[in-house]
Protein backbone atom coordinates (compact mmCIF):
# COMPACT_ATOMS: atom_id res chain seq x y z
CA MET A 1 12.59 -26.47 56.72
CA ILE A 2 12.89 -23.92 53.92
CA PRO A 3 9.72 -23.84 51.80
CA LEU A 4 10.03 -25.41 48.35
CA SER A 5 9.17 -22.14 46.63
CA LEU A 6 12.10 -20.43 48.33
CA ASN A 7 14.39 -23.31 47.41
CA THR A 8 13.30 -22.86 43.82
CA ARG A 9 14.03 -19.13 43.90
CA LEU A 10 17.47 -19.71 45.39
CA LEU A 11 18.23 -22.33 42.78
CA SER A 12 17.13 -19.98 40.00
CA LEU A 13 19.31 -17.20 41.39
CA ALA A 14 22.30 -19.56 41.61
CA ILE A 15 21.79 -20.60 37.97
CA VAL A 16 21.59 -16.97 36.82
CA LEU A 17 24.77 -16.06 38.73
CA TRP A 18 26.56 -19.09 37.29
CA LEU A 19 25.47 -18.24 33.75
CA CYS A 20 26.69 -14.67 34.17
CA LEU A 21 30.21 -15.74 35.12
CA GLN A 22 30.92 -15.71 31.39
CA ILE A 23 28.74 -14.00 28.83
CA PHE A 24 28.76 -13.09 25.14
CA ILE A 25 26.71 -10.20 23.76
CA GLU A 26 26.35 -8.82 20.25
CA ALA A 27 24.35 -5.63 19.78
CA LEU A 28 23.16 -3.33 17.02
CA CYS A 29 22.54 0.40 17.40
CA HIS A 30 20.71 1.68 14.35
CA GLY A 31 18.74 4.81 13.71
CA ASN A 32 18.95 8.45 14.74
CA LEU A 33 22.07 8.36 16.91
CA SER A 34 25.73 9.18 16.45
CA GLU A 35 28.70 6.81 16.61
CA ASP A 36 29.71 8.29 19.99
CA GLU A 37 26.23 7.63 21.39
CA ALA A 38 26.33 4.03 20.16
CA VAL A 39 29.76 3.52 21.75
CA ASN A 40 28.51 4.98 25.06
CA ILE A 41 25.57 2.57 25.05
CA SER A 42 27.95 -0.35 24.59
CA ARG A 43 30.06 0.91 27.50
CA ILE A 44 27.03 0.76 29.80
CA PHE A 45 26.86 -2.98 29.22
CA LYS A 46 30.60 -3.46 29.51
CA ASN A 47 30.76 -1.58 32.81
CA SER A 48 27.64 -3.25 34.24
CA LEU A 49 28.60 -6.81 33.29
CA THR A 50 31.98 -7.20 34.92
CA THR A 51 32.41 -10.80 33.82
CA GLU A 52 34.75 -12.74 31.59
CA PRO A 53 33.72 -13.07 27.93
CA LEU A 54 32.41 -16.48 26.92
CA PRO A 55 35.16 -18.31 24.98
CA VAL A 56 34.50 -18.75 21.26
CA LYS A 57 34.57 -22.55 21.55
CA SER A 58 31.83 -22.41 24.22
CA ARG A 59 29.40 -20.29 22.19
CA HIS A 60 26.40 -21.94 20.56
CA ARG A 61 27.01 -23.02 16.97
CA GLU A 62 24.57 -24.45 14.44
CA GLN A 63 25.57 -27.45 12.33
CA ILE A 64 23.81 -28.71 9.23
CA THR A 65 23.69 -32.24 7.84
CA CYS A 66 25.85 -32.61 4.74
CA PHE A 67 24.21 -34.84 2.14
CA PRO A 68 26.58 -37.35 0.50
CA LEU A 69 27.48 -36.94 -3.16
CA SER A 70 24.71 -37.98 -5.58
CA ALA A 71 22.28 -38.34 -2.64
CA LYS A 72 18.67 -39.14 -3.55
CA LEU A 73 16.90 -39.13 -0.22
CA VAL A 74 13.21 -39.59 0.52
CA ARG A 75 11.25 -38.98 3.70
CA VAL A 76 7.68 -40.36 3.69
CA VAL A 77 5.04 -39.31 6.24
CA ASN A 78 1.27 -39.29 6.62
CA VAL A 79 -0.70 -36.16 7.42
CA LYS A 80 -1.34 -35.79 11.16
CA ASN A 81 -4.85 -34.45 10.61
CA LYS A 82 -6.85 -37.49 9.47
CA SER A 83 -9.29 -35.26 7.55
CA GLU A 84 -6.57 -33.44 5.61
CA THR A 85 -7.01 -34.29 1.92
CA ASN A 86 -3.98 -32.40 0.65
CA SER A 87 -0.76 -34.19 -0.21
CA VAL A 88 2.52 -32.31 -0.43
CA VAL A 89 5.89 -32.90 -2.04
CA GLU A 90 8.86 -30.69 -1.20
CA LEU A 91 12.00 -31.38 -3.21
CA TYR A 92 15.07 -29.80 -1.62
CA TYR A 93 18.40 -29.54 -3.43
CA GLN A 94 21.37 -28.94 -1.16
CA ILE A 95 23.89 -26.72 -2.95
CA GLU A 96 26.95 -25.49 -1.01
CA PRO A 97 27.84 -23.58 2.16
CA GLU A 98 28.50 -19.87 1.80
CA GLU A 99 32.03 -18.85 0.95
CA ALA A 100 33.51 -16.16 3.19
CA GLN A 101 32.67 -12.64 2.00
CA SER A 102 31.21 -13.99 -1.26
CA THR A 103 27.75 -13.35 -2.72
CA LYS A 104 28.21 -15.32 -5.95
CA MET A 105 26.14 -18.36 -4.96
CA LYS A 106 23.32 -16.20 -3.61
CA ALA A 107 23.32 -14.18 -6.82
CA MET A 108 23.15 -17.35 -8.91
CA LEU A 109 20.27 -18.77 -6.85
CA ASP A 110 18.24 -15.55 -7.03
CA LEU A 111 18.73 -15.26 -10.80
CA PHE A 112 17.87 -18.95 -11.33
CA HIS A 113 14.70 -18.45 -9.27
CA GLU A 114 13.77 -15.37 -11.29
CA ILE A 115 14.08 -17.30 -14.56
CA ILE A 116 12.21 -20.50 -13.65
CA GLU A 117 9.48 -19.28 -11.28
CA GLU A 118 6.96 -18.28 -13.96
CA PRO A 119 7.55 -21.33 -16.23
CA LEU A 120 7.12 -23.61 -13.19
CA PHE A 121 3.81 -22.00 -12.27
CA ASN A 122 2.66 -22.00 -15.89
CA GLN A 123 3.44 -25.70 -16.36
CA LEU A 124 2.43 -27.28 -13.05
CA ARG A 125 -0.31 -24.92 -11.92
CA THR A 126 -1.90 -23.50 -15.07
CA LYS A 127 -1.47 -26.35 -17.55
CA GLU A 128 -1.40 -29.46 -15.35
CA GLN A 129 -3.71 -28.09 -12.62
CA LEU A 130 -1.78 -29.84 -9.86
CA GLY A 131 -2.55 -27.35 -7.10
CA TYR A 132 -0.47 -24.90 -5.08
CA VAL A 133 3.01 -24.51 -6.60
CA GLU A 134 6.09 -22.62 -5.45
CA CYS A 135 9.88 -22.67 -5.62
CA GLY A 136 12.73 -20.62 -4.23
CA PRO A 137 16.17 -20.45 -2.63
CA ARG A 138 16.59 -21.73 0.91
CA LEU A 139 19.39 -20.61 3.20
CA THR A 140 19.77 -22.83 6.28
CA TYR A 141 22.36 -21.45 8.69
CA ARG A 142 24.37 -20.25 5.69
CA VAL A 143 24.10 -23.48 3.70
CA HIS A 144 22.54 -22.75 0.31
CA GLY A 145 19.73 -24.83 -1.12
CA PHE A 146 16.78 -24.63 -3.49
CA CYS A 147 13.25 -25.97 -3.01
CA PHE A 148 10.34 -26.97 -5.20
CA CYS A 149 6.98 -27.53 -3.50
CA VAL A 150 3.59 -28.71 -4.76
CA GLN A 151 0.45 -29.20 -2.66
CA SER A 152 -2.55 -30.99 -4.15
CA SER A 153 -5.86 -32.53 -3.09
CA LYS A 154 -6.23 -34.24 -6.49
CA TYR A 155 -2.97 -36.17 -6.80
CA GLY A 156 -0.74 -38.25 -4.54
CA PRO A 157 2.94 -37.60 -3.77
CA VAL A 158 4.28 -40.10 -6.33
CA HIS A 159 2.54 -38.29 -9.18
CA LEU A 160 3.48 -34.85 -7.84
CA PHE A 161 7.12 -35.84 -7.45
CA GLY A 162 7.20 -37.16 -11.02
CA ARG A 163 5.84 -33.90 -12.42
CA ILE A 164 8.33 -31.77 -10.44
CA ASP A 165 11.17 -34.03 -11.51
CA ASN A 166 10.09 -33.83 -15.12
CA PHE A 167 10.01 -30.02 -15.00
CA ILE A 168 13.49 -29.86 -13.47
CA LYS A 169 14.88 -32.02 -16.26
CA ASP A 170 13.39 -29.61 -18.81
CA ILE A 171 15.03 -26.55 -17.24
CA GLU A 172 18.26 -27.02 -19.19
CA GLY A 173 16.34 -26.73 -22.46
CA LEU A 174 14.51 -23.69 -21.15
CA LEU A 175 17.82 -22.01 -20.33
CA GLU A 176 19.36 -22.93 -23.67
CA GLN A 177 16.42 -21.39 -25.57
CA LEU A 178 16.50 -18.17 -23.55
CA ASP A 179 17.66 -15.28 -25.77
CA GLU A 180 20.22 -12.80 -24.48
CA GLU A 181 17.73 -9.93 -24.26
CA SER A 182 15.34 -11.93 -22.06
CA PHE A 183 18.22 -13.13 -19.90
CA GLY A 184 19.38 -9.53 -19.47
CA ASN A 185 15.86 -8.51 -18.43
CA TYR A 186 15.72 -11.21 -15.76
CA ARG A 187 19.11 -10.16 -14.44
CA SER A 188 18.17 -6.47 -14.42
CA GLY A 189 14.96 -7.25 -12.55
CA VAL A 190 16.83 -9.00 -9.74
CA ILE A 191 19.41 -6.19 -9.54
CA ALA A 192 16.67 -3.55 -9.34
CA ARG A 193 14.96 -5.32 -6.42
CA LEU A 194 18.25 -5.70 -4.55
CA LEU A 195 18.96 -1.98 -4.86
CA GLU A 196 15.49 -0.87 -3.79
CA LYS A 197 15.43 1.31 -0.70
CA ASP A 198 14.15 -0.44 2.42
CA PRO A 199 10.46 0.42 2.98
CA SER A 200 10.98 1.19 6.68
CA LEU A 201 13.63 1.63 9.34
CA LEU A 202 12.47 -1.64 10.92
CA SER A 203 13.01 -3.51 7.65
CA GLU A 204 16.53 -2.10 7.33
CA THR A 205 17.29 -2.90 10.97
CA ASN A 206 16.14 -6.50 10.53
CA GLU A 207 18.38 -6.87 7.47
CA LEU A 208 21.40 -5.53 9.38
CA TRP A 209 20.63 -7.71 12.41
CA SER A 210 20.42 -10.82 10.22
CA GLN A 211 24.03 -10.18 9.21
CA ILE A 212 25.01 -10.30 12.87
CA VAL A 213 22.95 -13.40 13.66
CA ASP A 214 24.47 -15.22 10.69
CA LYS A 215 27.97 -14.00 11.66
CA ARG A 216 28.47 -12.71 8.15
CA TYR A 217 28.85 -9.01 9.00
CA MET A 218 28.43 -7.87 5.39
CA PHE A 219 26.23 -4.84 5.98
CA VAL A 220 26.02 -3.93 2.28
CA TYR A 221 25.20 -7.49 1.26
CA SER A 222 22.48 -6.61 -1.26
CA HIS A 223 24.73 -4.13 -3.05
CA LYS A 224 27.54 -6.69 -3.26
CA GLU A 225 25.13 -9.27 -4.66
CA ALA A 226 23.86 -6.77 -7.25
CA GLU A 227 27.44 -6.10 -8.32
CA GLU A 228 28.08 -9.85 -8.60
CA LEU A 229 24.99 -10.32 -10.76
CA ARG A 230 26.27 -7.88 -13.38
CA SER A 231 29.05 -10.32 -14.28
CA ILE A 232 26.88 -13.46 -14.55
CA GLU A 233 26.13 -14.64 -18.09
CA LYS A 234 23.67 -17.21 -19.42
CA LYS A 235 26.39 -19.83 -19.89
CA ASP A 236 27.26 -19.46 -16.19
CA VAL A 237 23.69 -20.26 -15.15
CA ILE A 238 23.57 -23.30 -17.46
CA SER A 239 26.87 -24.60 -16.09
CA TRP A 240 25.62 -24.02 -12.51
CA TYR A 241 22.36 -25.85 -13.26
CA THR A 242 24.16 -28.90 -14.72
CA THR A 243 26.43 -29.03 -11.67
CA TYR A 244 23.70 -29.00 -9.00
CA PHE A 245 20.48 -30.18 -10.69
CA ARG A 246 21.43 -32.67 -13.42
CA GLU A 247 21.00 -36.16 -11.91
CA SER A 248 24.24 -37.51 -13.37
CA SER A 249 26.29 -34.87 -11.53
CA PRO A 250 27.85 -35.97 -8.19
CA LYS A 251 26.95 -32.56 -6.75
CA CYS A 252 23.25 -33.14 -7.44
CA ARG A 253 22.07 -33.94 -3.91
CA ARG A 254 18.41 -33.86 -3.01
CA LEU A 255 15.84 -34.73 -0.40
CA ALA A 256 12.19 -35.35 -1.30
CA VAL A 257 9.69 -35.03 1.55
CA ARG A 258 6.40 -36.70 0.66
CA VAL A 259 3.37 -35.99 2.83
CA TRP A 260 0.44 -38.28 2.08
CA GLY A 261 -3.10 -36.92 2.39
CA CYS A 262 -5.89 -38.93 3.98
CA ASP A 263 -7.37 -39.97 0.61
CA THR A 264 -4.13 -41.35 -0.80
CA ASN A 265 -2.61 -44.82 -0.61
CA MET A 266 1.04 -45.10 0.44
CA LYS A 267 1.23 -48.46 -1.37
CA GLU A 268 1.71 -46.38 -4.53
CA THR A 269 5.31 -45.99 -3.38
CA GLN A 270 5.91 -49.67 -4.16
CA THR A 271 5.19 -49.03 -7.85
CA ASP A 272 7.20 -45.82 -7.96
CA PRO A 273 9.90 -46.18 -10.64
CA LYS A 274 12.13 -43.87 -8.59
CA SER A 275 11.82 -46.00 -5.44
CA VAL A 276 15.54 -46.83 -5.69
CA GLN A 277 16.14 -43.66 -3.69
CA GLN A 278 17.30 -43.97 -0.09
CA VAL A 279 14.30 -43.79 2.22
CA ILE A 280 14.86 -42.11 5.58
CA ALA A 281 12.77 -44.17 7.98
CA ASP A 282 14.23 -42.64 11.15
CA ALA A 283 15.18 -38.97 10.80
CA VAL A 284 17.02 -38.85 14.15
CA ALA A 285 19.10 -41.91 13.30
CA PHE A 286 19.88 -40.52 9.85
CA LYS A 287 21.15 -37.22 11.27
CA SER A 288 23.18 -38.93 13.98
CA THR A 289 25.10 -40.99 11.39
CA SER A 290 25.53 -38.22 8.80
CA GLN A 291 28.45 -35.91 8.24
CA LEU A 292 28.01 -32.28 9.25
CA TYR A 293 29.13 -29.10 7.60
CA PRO A 294 31.57 -26.98 9.61
CA SER A 295 29.56 -24.46 11.61
CA LEU A 296 29.29 -21.02 10.05
CA CYS A 297 26.96 -19.35 12.55
């Protein structure tokens, strides 16, 4: 009888050989080498791996849940650590998938973030003393979104959600009151950061590699976004905000994740005036019955 360990090795070898019958490789050569040297490196792989390329339809693709129009979703969970006093609310707005070879949505998100980040901190952190506060764009396999997050040991998720929601409703007024000079300064600040030289070769390599991983292949992405920003005006940001963040808009689609600390009472949810939102009791079941965006990467 062949020992089990040998059986295991033979099985592993058979799996490796089977996997190598078809293979798909993407590579990046970056740094102090010429184009000819990079091509020669790629030929080493091509000549060594004499297999058929993996068909496009067989390659791994990521798919993201598409929230329905006007979605107001809530996911409620308790902290796993029974001594954790902090509660957290993360409010995620799903925007749109990336458009091919376009940086407009990314430019709009970055400029919006630049404008509201300080007022959010000033209101919820400094004035209301809620706790840890942050916001920012979120890109999930090339589907754009925007998140607000507050963590607090003093207040429960219902109160935190209400304060975030109230701030978001006030953003339109904040944008309307913004003078053109201030708006131009925000825009110039974002453009300047985008055009900054990478601090290291590793940082630049990681940025280039992310374009390959995301199957975008726009290796001057930051420069294209900076160029796009130059044409964005205040009225464009206001129109964009009303499309994706005003509750009455069909394209306002959001998910609130409420994490309850050990000192809070989830029964507060029953008195929540916004409890008409759709509660996701089973995340797996919700995803299995939801529509998916076409895969982009």
